Amino acid sequence: MTQDAQDFLSTLLSLADSPDHDSRPLKDATIYDFSPAFIAAVESYLSELWERMTEDEEMAGMLDECSRSFGGNAYLSGSGHGAGFFDEYPVDGEAIQSRYDEISGRYRFEELGSMIDNSDAGIDLAILPEYLESARAKLFTL
């Protein structure tokens, strides 16, 4: 699993397991508890996002200067948590956030933390099995 995927999943998991929730089914979960299909979807999404965001050399340089990982920033930027690419320093975070929004769409992952569930197959989208693959593809395909 790539470092960016690890950081994306770690950020998702830490925010999905809020101590404010009455029930905490993800409390003891780790990033290695995600289903292989979910991990593959995240890795594919991040790979394509990186490729599209770094088509411009200036943007690639700005991304290299970010203090958080690309995967962590991608989750935060797409989830509406008030952090992510736009609050990076010393680079022009607003330019990075605008590019992210243009490619991926604003708040793409806003509900993702409440859409996952830990089952025997691992942490994945909580959706009927017959729709799971298409729902995952829709969420993680640019």
N, C-alpha and C. Protein backbone atom coordinates (compact mmCIF):
# COMPACT_ATOMS: atom_id res chain seq x y z
N MET A 1 0.87 -1.18 0.00
CA MET A 1 0.00 0.00 0.00
C MET A 1 0.91 1.24 0.00
N THR A 2 0.59 2.21 -0.85
CA THR A 2 1.40 3.42 -0.93
C THR A 2 1.26 4.25 0.35
N GLN A 3 2.25 5.10 0.59
CA GLN A 3 2.20 5.99 1.75
C GLN A 3 1.01 6.95 1.64
N ASP A 4 0.74 7.43 0.44
CA ASP A 4 -0.40 8.34 0.27
C ASP A 4 -1.72 7.64 0.59
N ALA A 5 -1.86 6.39 0.19
CA ALA A 5 -3.08 5.64 0.51
C ALA A 5 -3.17 5.42 2.03
N GLN A 6 -2.04 5.11 2.65
CA GLN A 6 -2.03 4.93 4.10
C GLN A 6 -2.48 6.21 4.81
N ASP A 7 -1.97 7.34 4.34
CA ASP A 7 -2.32 8.62 4.97
C ASP A 7 -3.78 9.00 4.72
N PHE A 8 -4.29 8.72 3.53
CA PHE A 8 -5.69 8.96 3.21
C PHE A 8 -6.57 8.13 4.15
N LEU A 9 -6.29 6.82 4.24
CA LEU A 9 -7.09 5.92 5.07
C LEU A 9 -6.97 6.24 6.55
N SER A 10 -5.76 6.59 6.98
CA SER A 10 -5.54 6.95 8.39
C SER A 10 -6.35 8.18 8.78
N THR A 11 -6.35 9.17 7.90
CA THR A 11 -7.10 10.40 8.17
C THR A 11 -8.60 10.10 8.18
N LEU A 12 -9.05 9.34 7.20
CA LEU A 12 -10.47 8.94 7.15
C LEU A 12 -10.86 8.20 8.41
N LEU A 13 -10.07 7.22 8.81
CA LEU A 13 -10.38 6.40 9.97
C LEU A 13 -10.39 7.21 11.25
N SER A 14 -9.44 8.10 11.41
CA SER A 14 -9.37 8.89 12.65
C SER A 14 -10.57 9.83 12.76
N LEU A 15 -11.03 10.36 11.64
CA LEU A 15 -12.18 11.25 11.69
C LEU A 15 -13.51 10.50 11.76
N ALA A 16 -13.55 9.29 11.20
CA ALA A 16 -14.78 8.48 11.23
C ALA A 16 -15.02 7.91 12.62
N ASP A 17 -13.95 7.68 13.38
CA ASP A 17 -14.09 7.13 14.73
C ASP A 17 -14.07 8.25 15.76
N SER A 18 -15.06 9.09 15.70
CA SER A 18 -15.13 10.21 16.63
C SER A 18 -15.59 9.76 18.01
N PRO A 19 -14.89 10.19 19.05
CA PRO A 19 -15.35 9.87 20.42
C PRO A 19 -16.71 10.48 20.73
N ASP A 20 -17.17 11.40 19.89
CA ASP A 20 -18.48 12.01 20.10
C ASP A 20 -19.62 11.07 19.72
N HIS A 21 -19.31 10.01 18.96
CA HIS A 21 -20.35 9.07 18.56
C HIS A 21 -20.68 8.12 19.71
N ASP A 22 -21.95 7.78 19.86
CA ASP A 22 -22.36 6.85 20.92
C ASP A 22 -21.75 5.47 20.69
N SER A 23 -21.82 5.01 19.45
CA SER A 23 -21.28 3.72 19.07
C SER A 23 -19.99 3.96 18.30
N ARG A 24 -18.97 3.18 18.60
CA ARG A 24 -17.68 3.38 17.93
C ARG A 24 -17.19 2.06 17.33
N PRO A 25 -17.85 1.59 16.26
CA PRO A 25 -17.46 0.31 15.67
C PRO A 25 -16.07 0.31 15.04
N LEU A 26 -15.50 1.48 14.82
CA LEU A 26 -14.17 1.56 14.20
C LEU A 26 -13.07 1.85 15.22
N LYS A 27 -13.42 1.85 16.50
CA LYS A 27 -12.48 2.26 17.55
C LYS A 27 -11.15 1.51 17.49
N ASP A 28 -11.19 0.22 17.32
CA ASP A 28 -9.96 -0.58 17.33
C ASP A 28 -9.46 -0.92 15.93
N ALA A 29 -10.07 -0.33 14.91
CA ALA A 29 -9.70 -0.64 13.53
C ALA A 29 -8.41 0.08 13.14
N THR A 30 -7.72 -0.50 12.19
CA THR A 30 -6.52 0.12 11.62
C THR A 30 -6.71 0.23 10.11
N ILE A 31 -5.79 0.90 9.45
CA ILE A 31 -5.90 1.04 8.01
C ILE A 31 -5.80 -0.31 7.31
N TYR A 32 -5.22 -1.29 7.96
CA TYR A 32 -5.08 -2.62 7.36
C TYR A 32 -6.38 -3.43 7.44
N ASP A 33 -7.39 -2.86 8.10
CA ASP A 33 -8.69 -3.51 8.18
C ASP A 33 -9.60 -3.14 7.01
N PHE A 34 -9.18 -2.19 6.17
CA PHE A 34 -9.98 -1.84 5.00
C PHE A 34 -9.93 -3.01 4.02
N SER A 35 -11.01 -3.21 3.30
CA SER A 35 -11.05 -4.30 2.33
C SER A 35 -10.03 -4.03 1.23
N PRO A 36 -9.47 -5.09 0.64
CA PRO A 36 -8.52 -4.90 -0.45
C PRO A 36 -9.10 -4.07 -1.60
N ALA A 37 -10.38 -4.24 -1.89
CA ALA A 37 -11.01 -3.48 -2.98
C ALA A 37 -11.09 -1.99 -2.64
N PHE A 38 -11.36 -1.67 -1.39
CA PHE A 38 -11.42 -0.27 -0.96
C PHE A 38 -10.04 0.36 -1.06
N ILE A 39 -9.02 -0.36 -0.59
CA ILE A 39 -7.64 0.14 -0.67
C ILE A 39 -7.24 0.35 -2.12
N ALA A 40 -7.55 -0.60 -2.98
CA ALA A 40 -7.21 -0.48 -4.40
C ALA A 40 -7.91 0.73 -5.03
N ALA A 41 -9.16 0.98 -4.64
CA ALA A 41 -9.90 2.12 -5.18
C ALA A 41 -9.26 3.43 -4.73
N VAL A 42 -8.85 3.52 -3.47
CA VAL A 42 -8.18 4.72 -2.96
C VAL A 42 -6.85 4.93 -3.68
N GLU A 43 -6.08 3.87 -3.85
CA GLU A 43 -4.79 4.00 -4.53
C GLU A 43 -4.97 4.45 -5.98
N SER A 44 -5.97 3.91 -6.64
CA SER A 44 -6.23 4.30 -8.03
C SER A 44 -6.64 5.77 -8.11
N TYR A 45 -7.53 6.18 -7.21
CA TYR A 45 -7.98 7.57 -7.16
C TYR A 45 -6.80 8.52 -6.94
N LEU A 46 -5.97 8.21 -5.95
CA LEU A 46 -4.84 9.08 -5.63
C LEU A 46 -3.82 9.13 -6.77
N SER A 47 -3.59 8.02 -7.40
CA SER A 47 -2.66 7.97 -8.53
C SER A 47 -3.15 8.84 -9.69
N GLU A 48 -4.41 8.70 -10.05
CA GLU A 48 -4.96 9.51 -11.13
C GLU A 48 -5.01 10.98 -10.74
N LEU A 49 -5.38 11.27 -9.50
CA LEU A 49 -5.44 12.65 -9.04
C LEU A 49 -4.05 13.28 -9.10
N TRP A 50 -3.03 12.57 -8.63
CA TRP A 50 -1.66 13.08 -8.67
C TRP A 50 -1.24 13.37 -10.11
N GLU A 51 -1.52 12.42 -10.99
CA GLU A 51 -1.14 12.58 -12.40
C GLU A 51 -1.79 13.82 -13.01
N ARG A 52 -3.06 14.02 -12.72
CA ARG A 52 -3.77 15.15 -13.30
C ARG A 52 -3.39 16.48 -12.65
N MET A 53 -3.11 16.45 -11.35
CA MET A 53 -2.73 17.69 -10.67
C MET A 53 -1.32 18.14 -11.01
N THR A 54 -0.46 17.20 -11.38
CA THR A 54 0.93 17.56 -11.63
C THR A 54 1.24 17.69 -13.13
N GLU A 55 0.23 17.79 -13.96
CA GLU A 55 0.45 18.06 -15.38
C GLU A 55 1.15 19.41 -15.56
N ASP A 56 0.89 20.31 -14.65
CA ASP A 56 1.50 21.64 -14.65
C ASP A 56 2.73 21.60 -13.73
N GLU A 57 3.91 21.96 -14.24
CA GLU A 57 5.14 21.90 -13.46
C GLU A 57 5.09 22.77 -12.21
N GLU A 58 4.47 23.93 -12.33
CA GLU A 58 4.38 24.83 -11.17
C GLU A 58 3.55 24.18 -10.06
N MET A 59 2.45 23.54 -10.44
CA MET A 59 1.61 22.86 -9.46
C MET A 59 2.37 21.70 -8.83
N ALA A 60 3.13 20.97 -9.62
CA ALA A 60 3.93 19.86 -9.09
C ALA A 60 4.91 20.37 -8.04
N GLY A 61 5.53 21.50 -8.32
CA GLY A 61 6.46 22.10 -7.36
C GLY A 61 5.77 22.51 -6.07
N MET A 62 4.59 23.08 -6.20
CA MET A 62 3.84 23.49 -5.00
C MET A 62 3.44 22.26 -4.17
N LEU A 63 3.02 21.20 -4.84
CA LEU A 63 2.63 19.99 -4.12
C LEU A 63 3.81 19.38 -3.39
N ASP A 64 5.00 19.47 -3.98
CA ASP A 64 6.20 18.94 -3.33
C ASP A 64 6.53 19.68 -2.04
N GLU A 65 6.08 20.93 -1.91
CA GLU A 65 6.37 21.74 -0.73
C GLU A 65 5.33 21.59 0.38
N CYS A 66 4.27 20.83 0.14
CA CYS A 66 3.23 20.67 1.15
C CYS A 66 3.78 19.98 2.39
N SER A 67 3.31 20.39 3.56
CA SER A 67 3.79 19.79 4.79
C SER A 67 3.11 18.46 5.09
N ARG A 68 1.85 18.31 4.70
CA ARG A 68 1.15 17.03 4.87
C ARG A 68 1.32 16.22 3.59
N SER A 69 1.09 14.94 3.69
CA SER A 69 1.19 14.08 2.51
C SER A 69 0.07 14.39 1.52
N PHE A 70 0.30 14.01 0.29
CA PHE A 70 -0.69 14.19 -0.76
C PHE A 70 -1.99 13.44 -0.40
N GLY A 71 -1.87 12.21 0.08
CA GLY A 71 -3.06 11.43 0.43
C GLY A 71 -3.86 12.04 1.56
N GLY A 72 -3.18 12.50 2.60
CA GLY A 72 -3.88 13.15 3.71
C GLY A 72 -4.57 14.43 3.27
N ASN A 73 -3.87 15.22 2.47
CA ASN A 73 -4.46 16.46 1.96
C ASN A 73 -5.65 16.18 1.04
N ALA A 74 -5.55 15.13 0.22
CA ALA A 74 -6.64 14.80 -0.70
C ALA A 74 -7.90 14.45 0.08
N TYR A 75 -7.75 13.67 1.17
CA TYR A 75 -8.94 13.34 1.96
C TYR A 75 -9.51 14.60 2.62
N LEU A 76 -8.67 15.37 3.27
CA LEU A 76 -9.14 16.57 3.97
C LEU A 76 -9.77 17.58 3.01
N SER A 77 -9.15 17.77 1.85
CA SER A 77 -9.69 18.72 0.87
C SER A 77 -11.04 18.27 0.33
N GLY A 78 -11.20 16.97 0.21
CA GLY A 78 -12.44 16.45 -0.35
C GLY A 78 -13.52 16.16 0.66
N SER A 79 -13.26 16.42 1.93
CA SER A 79 -14.23 16.04 2.95
C SER A 79 -14.93 17.21 3.63
N GLY A 80 -14.45 18.42 3.39
CA GLY A 80 -15.10 19.58 4.01
C GLY A 80 -14.73 19.79 5.46
N HIS A 81 -13.57 19.28 5.89
CA HIS A 81 -13.17 19.43 7.29
C HIS A 81 -12.45 20.74 7.59
N GLY A 82 -12.34 21.62 6.62
CA GLY A 82 -11.69 22.91 6.86
C GLY A 82 -10.18 22.83 6.87
N ALA A 83 -9.64 21.76 6.33
CA ALA A 83 -8.20 21.60 6.21
C ALA A 83 -7.92 20.90 4.89
N GLY A 84 -6.67 20.80 4.53
CA GLY A 84 -6.31 20.16 3.27
C GLY A 84 -5.37 21.05 2.49
N PHE A 85 -5.44 20.96 1.18
CA PHE A 85 -4.51 21.70 0.35
C PHE A 85 -4.56 23.20 0.58
N PHE A 86 -5.76 23.75 0.82
CA PHE A 86 -5.88 25.21 0.87
C PHE A 86 -5.18 25.83 2.07
N ASP A 87 -4.95 25.06 3.14
CA ASP A 87 -4.31 25.67 4.31
C ASP A 87 -2.83 25.33 4.41
N GLU A 88 -2.23 24.82 3.33
CA GLU A 88 -0.81 24.51 3.34
C GLU A 88 0.04 25.78 3.34
N TYR A 89 1.15 25.72 4.02
CA TYR A 89 2.11 26.82 4.06
C TYR A 89 3.48 26.20 3.84
N PRO A 90 4.36 26.77 3.07
CA PRO A 90 4.42 28.12 2.55
C PRO A 90 3.87 28.27 1.13
N VAL A 91 3.35 27.21 0.56
CA VAL A 91 2.87 27.30 -0.82
C VAL A 91 1.53 28.01 -0.90
N ASP A 92 1.14 28.35 -2.11
CA ASP A 92 -0.15 29.00 -2.35
C ASP A 92 -1.24 27.93 -2.29
N GLY A 93 -1.72 27.66 -1.11
CA GLY A 93 -2.70 26.60 -0.92
C GLY A 93 -4.00 26.81 -1.66
N GLU A 94 -4.42 28.05 -1.80
CA GLU A 94 -5.68 28.30 -2.51
C GLU A 94 -5.60 27.86 -3.97
N ALA A 95 -4.45 28.02 -4.58
CA ALA A 95 -4.28 27.58 -5.97
C ALA A 95 -4.36 26.06 -6.06
N ILE A 96 -3.75 25.38 -5.09
CA ILE A 96 -3.80 23.92 -5.08
C ILE A 96 -5.23 23.46 -4.84
N GLN A 97 -5.91 24.07 -3.88
CA GLN A 97 -7.29 23.70 -3.59
C GLN A 97 -8.18 23.91 -4.80
N SER A 98 -8.00 25.02 -5.50
CA SER A 98 -8.80 25.30 -6.70
C SER A 98 -8.57 24.23 -7.76
N ARG A 99 -7.33 23.83 -7.93
CA ARG A 99 -7.02 22.78 -8.91
C ARG A 99 -7.65 21.46 -8.48
N TYR A 100 -7.55 21.15 -7.19
CA TYR A 100 -8.18 19.92 -6.67
C TYR A 100 -9.68 19.95 -6.94
N ASP A 101 -10.33 21.05 -6.59
CA ASP A 101 -11.78 21.17 -6.79
C ASP A 101 -12.16 21.01 -8.26
N GLU A 102 -11.33 21.57 -9.14
CA GLU A 102 -11.57 21.50 -10.58
C GLU A 102 -11.52 20.05 -11.07
N ILE A 103 -10.58 19.28 -10.55
CA ILE A 103 -10.40 17.90 -10.99
C ILE A 103 -11.34 16.94 -10.27
N SER A 104 -11.42 17.06 -8.97
CA SER A 104 -12.10 16.05 -8.16
C SER A 104 -13.50 16.45 -7.72
N GLY A 105 -13.73 17.73 -7.59
CA GLY A 105 -15.03 18.17 -7.09
C GLY A 105 -14.97 18.46 -5.61
N ARG A 106 -15.56 19.54 -5.24
CA ARG A 106 -15.54 19.97 -3.85
C ARG A 106 -16.36 19.03 -2.96
N TYR A 107 -15.83 18.71 -1.81
CA TYR A 107 -16.50 17.88 -0.80
C TYR A 107 -16.92 16.52 -1.32
N ARG A 108 -16.10 15.94 -2.15
CA ARG A 108 -16.34 14.61 -2.71
C ARG A 108 -16.51 13.55 -1.62
N PHE A 109 -15.78 13.68 -0.52
CA PHE A 109 -15.78 12.68 0.54
C PHE A 109 -16.48 13.15 1.81
N GLU A 110 -17.33 14.15 1.68
CA GLU A 110 -17.95 14.76 2.86
C GLU A 110 -18.68 13.75 3.75
N GLU A 111 -19.34 12.77 3.17
CA GLU A 111 -20.11 11.79 3.94
C GLU A 111 -19.39 10.45 4.09
N LEU A 112 -18.17 10.35 3.57
CA LEU A 112 -17.51 9.04 3.54
C LEU A 112 -17.34 8.43 4.92
N GLY A 113 -17.01 9.23 5.91
CA GLY A 113 -16.82 8.70 7.26
C GLY A 113 -18.05 7.99 7.80
N SER A 114 -19.23 8.45 7.42
CA SER A 114 -20.46 7.80 7.89
C SER A 114 -20.96 6.74 6.92
N MET A 115 -20.27 6.58 5.79
CA MET A 115 -20.67 5.60 4.78
C MET A 115 -19.90 4.29 4.90
N ILE A 116 -18.93 4.21 5.82
CA ILE A 116 -18.13 3.00 5.93
C ILE A 116 -18.56 2.18 7.13
N ASP A 117 -18.30 0.88 7.01
CA ASP A 117 -18.70 -0.06 8.05
C ASP A 117 -17.66 -1.17 8.11
N ASN A 118 -17.45 -1.71 9.29
CA ASN A 118 -16.50 -2.79 9.48
C ASN A 118 -17.26 -4.11 9.50
N SER A 119 -17.02 -4.95 8.50
CA SER A 119 -17.69 -6.25 8.43
C SER A 119 -16.63 -7.34 8.34
N ASP A 120 -17.08 -8.58 8.15
CA ASP A 120 -16.14 -9.69 8.02
C ASP A 120 -15.21 -9.52 6.83
N ALA A 121 -15.68 -8.80 5.80
CA ALA A 121 -14.87 -8.59 4.60
C ALA A 121 -13.91 -7.41 4.76
N GLY A 122 -13.99 -6.72 5.87
CA GLY A 122 -13.14 -5.56 6.11
C GLY A 122 -13.94 -4.27 6.02
N ILE A 123 -13.29 -3.16 6.31
CA ILE A 123 -13.96 -1.87 6.26
C ILE A 123 -14.20 -1.51 4.80
N ASP A 124 -15.43 -1.16 4.50
CA ASP A 124 -15.80 -0.80 3.13
C ASP A 124 -17.05 0.05 3.20
N LEU A 125 -17.55 0.45 2.04
CA LEU A 125 -18.79 1.20 2.00
C LEU A 125 -19.92 0.33 2.51
N ALA A 126 -20.76 0.90 3.35
CA ALA A 126 -21.91 0.18 3.88
C ALA A 126 -23.04 0.30 2.86
N ILE A 127 -23.08 -0.65 1.96
CA ILE A 127 -24.06 -0.61 0.87
C ILE A 127 -24.35 -2.05 0.47
N LEU A 128 -25.50 -2.28 -0.13
CA LEU A 128 -25.84 -3.64 -0.54
C LEU A 128 -24.75 -4.23 -1.43
N PRO A 129 -24.36 -5.48 -1.18
CA PRO A 129 -23.24 -6.07 -1.92
C PRO A 129 -23.35 -5.97 -3.44
N GLU A 130 -24.56 -6.08 -3.98
CA GLU A 130 -24.70 -6.02 -5.43
C GLU A 130 -24.39 -4.64 -6.01
N TYR A 131 -24.39 -3.61 -5.16
CA TYR A 131 -24.11 -2.24 -5.62
C TYR A 131 -22.75 -1.74 -5.17
N LEU A 132 -22.05 -2.55 -4.39
CA LEU A 132 -20.81 -2.11 -3.75
C LEU A 132 -19.73 -1.73 -4.77
N GLU A 133 -19.49 -2.58 -5.74
CA GLU A 133 -18.42 -2.30 -6.71
C GLU A 133 -18.70 -1.03 -7.50
N SER A 134 -19.93 -0.84 -7.95
CA SER A 134 -20.24 0.36 -8.73
C SER A 134 -20.21 1.61 -7.86
N ALA A 135 -20.63 1.50 -6.60
CA ALA A 135 -20.60 2.66 -5.68
C ALA A 135 -19.16 3.06 -5.40
N ARG A 136 -18.30 2.07 -5.17
CA ARG A 136 -16.89 2.34 -4.93
C ARG A 136 -16.26 2.99 -6.15
N ALA A 137 -16.57 2.46 -7.32
CA ALA A 137 -16.01 3.03 -8.57
C ALA A 137 -16.48 4.45 -8.78
N LYS A 138 -17.74 4.71 -8.51
CA LYS A 138 -18.27 6.06 -8.70
C LYS A 138 -17.58 7.06 -7.76
N LEU A 139 -17.35 6.65 -6.52
CA LEU A 139 -16.75 7.52 -5.53
C LEU A 139 -15.27 7.80 -5.83
N PHE A 140 -14.56 6.80 -6.31
CA PHE A 140 -13.11 6.91 -6.45
C PHE A 140 -12.62 7.03 -7.89
N THR A 141 -13.48 7.33 -8.82
CA THR A 141 -13.06 7.51 -10.21
C THR A 141 -13.24 8.97 -10.60
N LEU A 142 -12.21 9.54 -11.18
CA LEU A 142 -12.28 10.95 -11.59
C LEU A 142 -12.92 11.05 -12.95
